[in-house]
Protein backbone atom coordinates (compact mmCIF):
# COMPACT_ATOMS: atom_id res chain seq x y z
CA ALA A 1 14.60 78.70 -54.78
CA ALA A 2 12.56 80.29 -51.98
CA ILE A 3 12.71 83.36 -49.77
CA ILE A 4 11.71 83.15 -46.10
CA TRP A 5 10.96 86.28 -44.10
CA HIS A 6 10.57 85.99 -40.35
CA HIS A 7 9.57 88.95 -38.19
CA ILE A 8 8.90 88.34 -34.48
CA ASP A 9 5.87 86.01 -34.60
CA ASP A 10 5.11 86.16 -38.33
CA PHE A 11 6.74 84.40 -41.24
CA LEU A 12 6.20 84.38 -44.99
CA ILE A 13 7.59 82.04 -47.61
CA HIS A 14 7.76 83.20 -51.22
CA ALA A 15 8.63 80.61 -53.86
CA PRO A 16 8.02 80.14 -57.58
CA THR A 17 6.24 76.77 -57.15
CA GLN A 18 4.15 75.05 -54.51
CA LYS A 19 6.72 72.24 -54.25
CA LYS A 20 9.53 74.72 -53.46
CA CYS A 21 7.24 76.53 -51.01
CA GLN A 22 6.52 73.26 -49.16
CA ALA A 23 10.24 72.39 -49.06
CA ALA A 24 11.06 75.83 -47.63
CA LEU A 25 8.25 75.45 -45.07
CA GLN A 26 9.75 72.15 -43.92
CA VAL A 27 13.21 73.74 -43.57
CA PHE A 28 11.73 76.68 -41.64
CA MET A 29 9.67 74.46 -39.32
CA ASP A 30 12.67 72.23 -38.60
CA ARG A 31 14.77 75.30 -37.79
CA ILE A 32 12.29 76.91 -35.40
CA VAL A 33 11.67 73.59 -33.61
CA ALA A 34 15.45 73.27 -33.15
CA CYS A 35 15.32 76.73 -31.53
CA GLY A 36 12.59 75.59 -29.13
CA LEU A 37 9.76 77.36 -30.95
CA TRP A 38 6.79 76.06 -32.88
CA ALA A 39 4.18 77.42 -35.24
CA HIS A 40 0.55 76.85 -34.33
CA PRO A 41 -1.03 74.87 -37.20
CA SER A 42 -4.19 77.02 -37.16
CA LYS A 43 -2.04 80.10 -37.86
CA CYS A 44 -0.40 78.60 -40.96
CA LYS A 45 -2.11 79.35 -44.26
CA LEU A 46 -1.98 77.29 -47.41
CA PRO A 47 0.13 78.65 -50.28
CA ALA A 48 -1.69 81.45 -52.10
CA GLN A 49 -0.79 84.41 -54.27
CA VAL A 50 -2.22 86.83 -51.70
CA GLN A 51 -1.18 86.60 -48.05
CA GLU A 52 -1.08 88.97 -45.08
CA PHE A 53 2.28 89.42 -43.40
CA VAL A 54 3.41 92.09 -40.90
CA GLY A 55 0.31 94.17 -41.48
CA PHE A 56 0.58 94.27 -45.29
CA LYS A 57 -1.21 92.23 -47.91
CA TRP A 58 1.46 90.61 -50.11
CA ASP A 59 0.06 90.14 -53.60
CA SER A 60 2.16 88.20 -56.11
CA GLN A 61 -0.49 88.11 -58.84
CA SER A 62 0.83 89.71 -62.05
CA THR A 63 3.19 92.48 -60.81
CA PRO A 64 3.94 91.79 -57.11
CA LYS A 65 2.85 94.46 -54.65
CA GLN A 66 2.46 94.87 -50.93
CA ARG A 67 -0.93 96.46 -50.38
CA ILE A 68 -2.36 98.09 -47.28
CA PRO A 69 -5.36 95.96 -46.24
CA GLU A 70 -8.62 97.91 -46.36
CA LYS A 71 -9.26 97.39 -42.64
CA LYS A 72 -5.89 98.95 -41.76
CA ARG A 73 -6.39 101.75 -44.26
CA SER A 74 -9.86 102.68 -42.98
CA LYS A 75 -8.62 102.59 -39.36
CA ALA A 76 -5.73 104.89 -40.27
CA SER A 77 -8.13 107.27 -42.03
CA ALA A 78 -10.49 107.30 -39.04
CA LEU A 79 -7.61 108.17 -36.70
CA VAL A 80 -6.64 111.14 -38.86
CA ASP A 81 -10.27 112.32 -38.87
CA TYR A 82 -10.32 111.93 -35.08
CA LEU A 83 -7.19 114.09 -34.70
CA LEU A 84 -8.65 116.75 -36.96
CA SER A 85 -11.86 116.82 -34.90
CA LEU A 86 -9.86 117.12 -31.64
CA HIS A 87 -7.92 119.99 -33.20
CA GLU A 88 -11.16 121.76 -34.14
CA GLN A 89 -12.35 121.38 -30.51
CA ASN A 90 -9.01 122.71 -29.16
CA PHE A 91 -8.69 119.44 -27.25
CA LEU A 92 -5.65 117.88 -28.90
CA SER A 93 -3.16 116.23 -26.53
CA ALA A 94 0.48 115.48 -27.23
CA LYS A 95 -0.24 111.79 -26.55
CA ALA A 96 -3.04 111.58 -29.15
CA LEU A 97 -0.86 113.27 -31.77
CA SER A 98 2.11 111.08 -30.85
CA VAL A 99 0.17 107.80 -31.13
CA VAL A 100 -1.50 108.67 -34.43
CA THR A 101 1.74 110.01 -35.91
CA GLY A 102 3.48 106.76 -34.92
CA ARG A 103 0.74 104.81 -36.68
CA ARG A 104 1.29 106.92 -39.83
CA GLN A 105 4.99 106.03 -39.71
CA SER A 106 4.15 102.38 -40.35
CA LEU A 107 2.38 103.43 -43.58
CA VAL A 108 5.22 105.58 -44.97
CA PRO A 109 6.47 102.77 -47.26
CA ALA A 110 3.07 102.92 -48.98
CA THR A 111 3.39 106.61 -49.85
CA PRO A 112 4.78 107.66 -53.24
CA GLY A 113 8.57 107.77 -52.92
CA ASN A 114 8.23 107.52 -49.11
CA SER A 115 6.93 111.10 -49.19
CA GLY A 116 4.88 110.39 -46.06
CA ASN A 117 8.02 111.13 -44.02
CA THR A 118 7.85 114.73 -45.20
CA PHE A 119 4.26 114.99 -44.00
CA LEU A 120 5.14 113.56 -40.57
CA ARG A 121 8.06 115.87 -39.75
CA ARG A 122 5.98 118.85 -38.55
CA LEU A 123 3.71 116.53 -36.55
CA TYR A 124 6.73 115.04 -34.75
CA ASP A 125 8.12 118.54 -34.19
CA THR A 126 4.78 119.61 -32.67
CA VAL A 127 4.93 116.74 -30.16
CA HIS A 128 8.67 117.21 -29.49
CA PRO A 129 9.44 120.90 -30.05
CA PHE A 130 12.97 120.47 -28.67
CA GLY A 131 13.80 117.51 -30.90
CA MET A 132 13.86 113.79 -30.32
CA ASP A 133 17.01 114.13 -28.17
CA TYR A 134 14.87 115.64 -25.43
CA LEU A 135 12.30 113.10 -24.23
CA PRO A 136 11.01 114.07 -20.78
CA SER A 137 10.44 111.27 -18.27
CA ASP A 138 7.39 113.01 -16.78
CA PRO A 139 4.21 111.39 -18.23
CA ALA A 140 2.39 114.72 -17.89
CA TYR A 141 4.45 115.96 -20.84
CA TYR A 142 2.33 113.79 -23.16
CA TYR A 143 -0.98 114.98 -21.69
CA ARG A 144 -0.35 118.65 -22.39
CA ALA A 145 -2.65 120.43 -24.82
CA LEU A 146 -1.35 121.18 -28.30
CA THR A 147 -2.37 123.45 -31.11
CA LEU A 148 -1.48 122.57 -34.67
CA ASP A 149 -0.15 125.34 -36.84
CA ASP A 150 -1.54 125.65 -40.38
CA GLU A 151 1.31 123.63 -41.91
CA ALA A 152 0.87 120.71 -39.48
CA LYS A 153 -2.89 120.74 -40.12
CA GLN A 154 -2.20 120.67 -43.88
CA ASP A 155 0.03 117.63 -43.31
CA LEU A 156 -2.82 115.82 -41.56
CA LEU A 157 -5.12 116.77 -44.43
CA TRP A 158 -2.55 115.33 -46.88
CA TRP A 159 -2.64 112.01 -44.99
CA ARG A 160 -6.46 112.05 -44.90
CA ASP A 161 -6.70 112.61 -48.66
CA LEU A 162 -4.05 109.98 -49.41
CA LEU A 163 -5.78 107.36 -47.28
CA ARG A 164 -9.18 108.11 -48.79
CA ASN A 165 -8.27 108.48 -52.46
CA THR A 166 -5.27 106.32 -53.32
CA ASP A 167 -4.77 102.64 -54.04
CA LEU A 168 -1.89 102.29 -51.59
CA TYR A 169 0.82 99.75 -52.07
CA ALA A 170 4.01 99.49 -50.09
CA SER A 171 6.33 98.48 -52.85
CA GLN A 172 6.41 97.57 -56.48
CA PRO A 173 9.80 96.08 -57.30
CA ALA A 174 11.67 96.85 -60.48
CA VAL A 175 12.22 93.12 -61.08
CA ILE A 176 9.00 91.44 -62.15
CA GLY A 177 8.04 88.38 -60.12
CA THR A 178 9.91 89.48 -56.99
CA LEU A 179 8.60 90.54 -53.60
CA VAL A 180 10.70 92.88 -51.51
CA SER A 181 10.60 93.30 -47.76
CA ALA A 182 9.18 96.50 -46.26
CA TRP A 183 8.70 97.68 -42.71
CA GLY A 184 5.36 96.81 -41.23
CA ASP A 185 3.71 95.63 -38.06
CA GLY A 186 1.52 92.61 -37.48
CA SER A 187 -0.56 94.13 -34.73
CA GLY A 188 -1.21 97.42 -36.50
CA THR A 189 0.18 99.48 -33.62
CA GLY A 190 2.80 101.29 -35.66
CA THR A 191 5.43 100.30 -33.11
């Protein structure tokens, strides 16, 4: 009758009618109160066909989609431009590349066929040339200067073009009238 997603401090209820949505909300509220938690009334939104949840805009009008909100999309694009400008100045640090690459990871579900993973691999390898098994404990490791090779720079350009020129959506289910869960983050940190 209704689907309830709960992720850390966010929840979303998806139901075919307002009555079923309200019933699911009551069940959810009763359950979290029993766990010693509560939802702040000012944070709860009335039922609507478009809601934000875990950093995505869930749109159940016509064919359901999870869209990347414009604010998140423009911030992601600006970060890619920033990295490209640091690269041009030969001032790129491992930390800057690591943070921005992590932010791109949260947008991978919005890339065609999750192809964004392909365009993150070389960026991860640039930050961690010895692989993810070797993560030094010395913070200075992340403040070292990096140089992007041509392929890694092309990957950043791919992300820039995608973020500027595409109507991004995280998922479009095969079953009409259904929303599906995708990875996201409420704070926009890409964590």
